[in-house]
N, C-alpha and C. Protein backbone atom coordinates (compact mmCIF):
# COMPACT_ATOMS: atom_id res chain seq x y z
N MET A 1 64.28 -5.13 17.97
CA MET A 1 63.29 -4.16 18.02
C MET A 1 63.79 -3.78 15.36
N PHE A 2 64.66 -3.63 15.52
CA PHE A 2 64.62 -3.61 14.15
C PHE A 2 65.85 -4.60 13.57
N ASP A 3 65.38 -4.49 12.53
CA ASP A 3 65.91 -6.46 11.86
C ASP A 3 66.63 -5.86 10.81
N ARG A 4 67.25 -4.87 11.30
CA ARG A 4 68.10 -4.53 9.44
C ARG A 4 68.88 -3.25 10.16
N PRO A 5 70.24 -2.99 9.64
CA PRO A 5 71.42 -1.71 9.97
C PRO A 5 69.80 0.04 10.05
N ILE A 6 69.94 0.12 10.54
CA ILE A 6 69.36 1.81 10.31
C ILE A 6 69.61 2.28 8.69
N PRO A 7 69.00 2.75 7.66
CA PRO A 7 69.36 3.14 6.29
C PRO A 7 69.77 4.96 6.81
N MET A 8 69.88 4.95 5.30
CA MET A 8 70.04 6.92 5.74
C MET A 8 68.75 7.00 4.89
N ASN A 9 68.26 8.05 4.81
CA ASN A 9 67.44 8.78 4.34
C ASN A 9 67.00 8.87 2.36
N THR A 10 68.33 9.15 1.55
CA THR A 10 69.31 8.78 1.20
C THR A 10 68.69 6.88 0.61
N GLU A 11 69.09 5.88 1.23
CA GLU A 11 68.88 5.11 0.51
C GLU A 11 67.66 4.45 -0.08
N ALA A 12 67.92 3.66 -1.19
CA ALA A 12 66.64 3.58 -1.95
C ALA A 12 65.66 2.36 -1.11
N LEU A 13 64.74 2.01 -1.65
CA LEU A 13 64.02 1.26 -0.64
C LEU A 13 63.06 -0.09 -1.66
N TYR A 14 62.87 -0.84 -2.23
CA TYR A 14 63.46 -2.24 -2.51
C TYR A 14 61.91 -2.72 -2.69
N PRO A 15 61.90 -3.63 -3.14
CA PRO A 15 60.23 -3.85 -3.72
C PRO A 15 59.88 -4.74 -2.38
N ASP A 16 60.44 -5.79 -1.72
CA ASP A 16 60.36 -6.26 -0.61
C ASP A 16 59.81 -5.05 0.23
N ASP A 17 60.47 -4.15 0.24
CA ASP A 17 60.41 -2.93 1.26
C ASP A 17 58.87 -2.33 1.01
N LEU A 18 59.28 -1.64 -0.06
CA LEU A 18 57.71 -1.41 -0.79
C LEU A 18 56.53 -2.20 -0.82
N ASN A 19 56.13 -3.50 -1.24
CA ASN A 19 55.74 -4.67 -0.77
C ASN A 19 55.47 -4.47 0.90
N THR A 20 55.87 -4.49 1.27
CA THR A 20 55.36 -4.28 3.12
C THR A 20 54.54 -3.14 3.32
N LEU A 21 55.03 -1.56 3.12
CA LEU A 21 54.46 0.01 2.84
C LEU A 21 53.36 -0.53 2.35
N ARG A 22 53.18 -0.46 1.39
CA ARG A 22 52.14 -0.52 0.22
C ARG A 22 50.62 -1.40 1.86
N ALA A 23 51.30 -2.75 2.17
CA ALA A 23 50.28 -3.88 2.91
C ALA A 23 49.68 -2.98 4.12
N VAL A 24 50.87 -2.18 4.57
CA VAL A 24 50.43 -1.36 6.16
C VAL A 24 49.55 -0.27 5.85
N PHE A 25 49.64 -0.16 4.33
CA PHE A 25 48.99 1.72 4.42
C PHE A 25 47.48 0.36 3.74
N ASP A 26 47.88 -0.07 3.13
CA ASP A 26 46.38 -0.42 3.00
C ASP A 26 45.28 -1.20 4.45
N ALA A 27 46.19 -2.15 5.13
CA ALA A 27 45.55 -2.42 6.33
C ALA A 27 45.53 -0.73 6.91
N MET A 28 45.75 0.38 7.43
CA MET A 28 45.34 1.29 8.34
C MET A 28 44.71 2.31 7.41
N CYS A 29 45.09 2.25 6.40
CA CYS A 29 43.42 2.88 5.22
C CYS A 29 42.35 1.98 5.43
N GLN A 30 42.15 1.28 5.57
CA GLN A 30 40.73 0.73 6.24
C GLN A 30 40.89 0.50 7.50
N GLU A 31 40.93 0.49 7.92
CA GLU A 31 41.10 0.29 10.07
C GLU A 31 40.41 1.72 10.27
N PHE A 32 40.85 2.80 9.34
CA PHE A 32 40.66 4.37 9.06
C PHE A 32 39.95 4.44 8.15
N ALA A 33 38.74 4.12 8.29
CA ALA A 33 38.42 3.98 6.70
C ALA A 33 38.85 5.18 5.77
N VAL A 34 39.99 5.43 5.79
CA VAL A 34 40.43 6.51 4.78
C VAL A 34 40.32 6.11 3.66
N LEU A 35 39.75 7.46 2.36
CA LEU A 35 40.39 6.72 0.81
C LEU A 35 41.71 7.00 1.05
N PRO A 36 42.39 5.95 -0.17
CA PRO A 36 43.64 6.19 -0.47
C PRO A 36 44.33 7.30 -0.78
N ASP A 37 43.50 8.05 -1.89
CA ASP A 37 43.88 9.59 -2.18
C ASP A 37 43.71 10.82 -1.75
N SER A 38 43.42 10.77 -0.05
CA SER A 38 42.72 11.50 0.38
C SER A 38 44.19 12.16 1.67
N ALA A 39 43.88 13.23 2.05
CA ALA A 39 45.02 14.50 2.73
C ALA A 39 45.16 12.93 3.84
N ALA A 40 44.77 12.49 4.43
CA ALA A 40 44.78 11.62 5.69
C ALA A 40 45.94 10.64 5.03
N ALA A 41 45.85 10.19 4.08
CA ALA A 41 45.83 9.03 3.70
C ALA A 41 47.85 9.21 3.58
N ASN A 42 47.63 10.63 2.88
CA ASN A 42 49.03 11.05 2.15
C ASN A 42 50.09 11.27 3.77
N SER A 43 49.46 10.93 4.78
CA SER A 43 49.77 12.08 5.97
C SER A 43 50.51 10.35 6.75
N ILE A 44 50.13 8.97 6.31
CA ILE A 44 50.28 7.84 7.43
C ILE A 44 50.59 7.56 5.80
N ALA A 45 51.38 6.94 4.55
CA ALA A 45 52.29 6.96 3.75
C ALA A 45 52.99 8.60 4.51
N ARG A 46 53.18 9.44 4.68
CA ARG A 46 54.75 9.86 4.86
C ARG A 46 55.52 9.13 6.44
N GLU A 47 54.52 9.12 7.69
CA GLU A 47 54.62 8.57 8.26
C GLU A 47 55.22 7.03 8.59
N LEU A 48 54.90 6.52 7.56
CA LEU A 48 54.77 5.23 7.53
C LEU A 48 57.25 4.73 6.30
N VAL A 49 56.59 5.67 5.87
CA VAL A 49 58.29 5.70 5.17
C VAL A 49 59.10 6.51 5.84
N ARG A 50 58.44 7.42 7.01
CA ARG A 50 59.89 7.89 8.54
C ARG A 50 59.80 6.97 9.25
N LEU A 51 59.19 6.61 9.32
CA LEU A 51 59.50 5.25 10.48
C LEU A 51 60.30 3.79 9.91
N PHE A 52 60.30 3.68 8.83
CA PHE A 52 60.59 2.59 7.63
C PHE A 52 62.08 2.45 7.72
N GLN A 53 62.70 4.38 7.60
CA GLN A 53 63.93 4.80 7.17
C GLN A 53 64.45 4.86 8.67
N THR A 54 63.66 5.26 9.93
CA THR A 54 64.03 4.66 10.76
C THR A 54 65.16 3.37 10.88
N GLY A 55 64.28 2.76 10.35
CA GLY A 55 65.10 1.33 10.45
C GLY A 55 63.82 -0.17 12.01
N MET A 56 62.54 1.26 11.15
CA MET A 56 61.32 0.35 11.41
C MET A 56 60.87 0.02 10.43
N THR A 57 61.09 -1.54 10.07
CA THR A 57 60.60 -2.48 8.40
C THR A 57 59.62 -3.35 9.45
N GLU A 58 59.28 -4.05 10.47
CA GLU A 58 59.00 -4.99 10.85
C GLU A 58 57.46 -4.84 10.20
N ALA A 59 56.43 -5.47 10.07
CA ALA A 59 54.50 -4.85 9.41
C ALA A 59 53.86 -4.39 11.32
N ALA A 60 53.80 -5.39 11.57
CA ALA A 60 53.65 -5.13 13.03
C ALA A 60 53.49 -3.83 13.68
N MET A 61 54.80 -3.18 13.58
CA MET A 61 55.61 -2.15 14.80
C MET A 61 54.51 -1.25 14.19
N LEU A 62 55.09 -0.94 12.76
CA LEU A 62 54.51 0.27 11.54
C LEU A 62 53.14 0.41 12.47
N MET A 63 52.25 -1.51 12.41
CA MET A 63 51.23 -0.29 12.27
C MET A 63 50.73 0.06 13.64
N ILE A 64 50.94 -0.69 14.59
CA ILE A 64 51.54 -0.10 15.63
C ILE A 64 51.72 0.96 16.40
N ALA A 65 52.54 1.40 15.69
CA ALA A 65 52.73 3.12 15.65
C ALA A 65 52.03 4.03 14.72
N VAL A 66 51.37 3.97 13.91
CA VAL A 66 50.69 4.40 12.93
C VAL A 66 49.28 4.90 13.45
N ARG A 67 49.00 3.26 14.71
CA ARG A 67 48.11 3.50 15.53
C ARG A 67 47.68 4.37 16.70
N ALA A 68 49.54 4.98 17.24
CA ALA A 68 49.64 5.27 17.87
C ALA A 68 48.85 7.21 17.55
N ARG A 69 50.32 7.48 16.87
CA ARG A 69 50.17 8.14 16.46
C ARG A 69 48.59 8.42 15.49
N TRP A 70 48.14 7.74 14.67
CA TRP A 70 46.96 8.39 14.35
C TRP A 70 45.97 8.66 15.76
N GLN A 71 45.58 8.01 17.14
CA GLN A 71 45.12 8.49 18.08
C GLN A 71 45.64 9.60 18.88
N GLY A 72 46.92 9.52 18.72
CA GLY A 72 47.51 10.74 19.75
C GLY A 72 47.38 13.05 18.62
N ASP A 73 47.81 12.96 17.96
CA ASP A 73 47.77 13.60 17.11
C ASP A 73 46.64 14.00 15.64
N TRP A 74 46.52 12.70 15.12
CA TRP A 74 45.53 12.46 13.76
C TRP A 74 43.88 13.04 14.28
N LYS A 75 43.70 12.37 15.33
CA LYS A 75 42.10 12.08 15.29
C LYS A 75 41.91 13.00 16.55
N LEU A 76 43.49 13.76 16.89
CA LEU A 76 42.52 14.89 17.32
C LEU A 76 42.56 16.01 16.94
N GLU A 77 43.08 16.06 16.06
CA GLU A 77 42.09 16.91 14.81
C GLU A 77 41.76 16.68 13.45
N GLY A 78 40.94 16.34 14.51
CA GLY A 78 39.65 15.72 13.59
C GLY A 78 39.77 15.14 12.23
N SER A 79 40.77 14.06 12.54
CA SER A 79 40.74 12.42 11.79
C SER A 79 41.39 13.22 10.01
N SER A 80 42.06 14.41 10.56
CA SER A 80 42.61 14.91 8.84
C SER A 80 43.81 15.00 8.69
N ALA A 81 44.20 13.95 9.29
CA ALA A 81 45.57 13.80 10.14
C ALA A 81 46.63 14.48 9.32
N ALA A 82 46.69 15.06 8.90
CA ALA A 82 47.08 17.14 8.11
C ALA A 82 48.60 17.52 8.37
């Protein structure tokens, strides 16, 4: 499941990391019909970075985790993703 050592929160994100995070962020915003500059989008971005920093670096796994969070926590809060 983890394709590299678990990074510390202080480790830098590299261009390939940012490309992966951006692609997943864009896909999730589109899937959830969320505007990229909204509070919901900020929550998605924060969750993606948090997951990435714990070692979940594959796009498919990030999408699965964010979908689960959306269905579980955020959607129940009226899709505010606060």
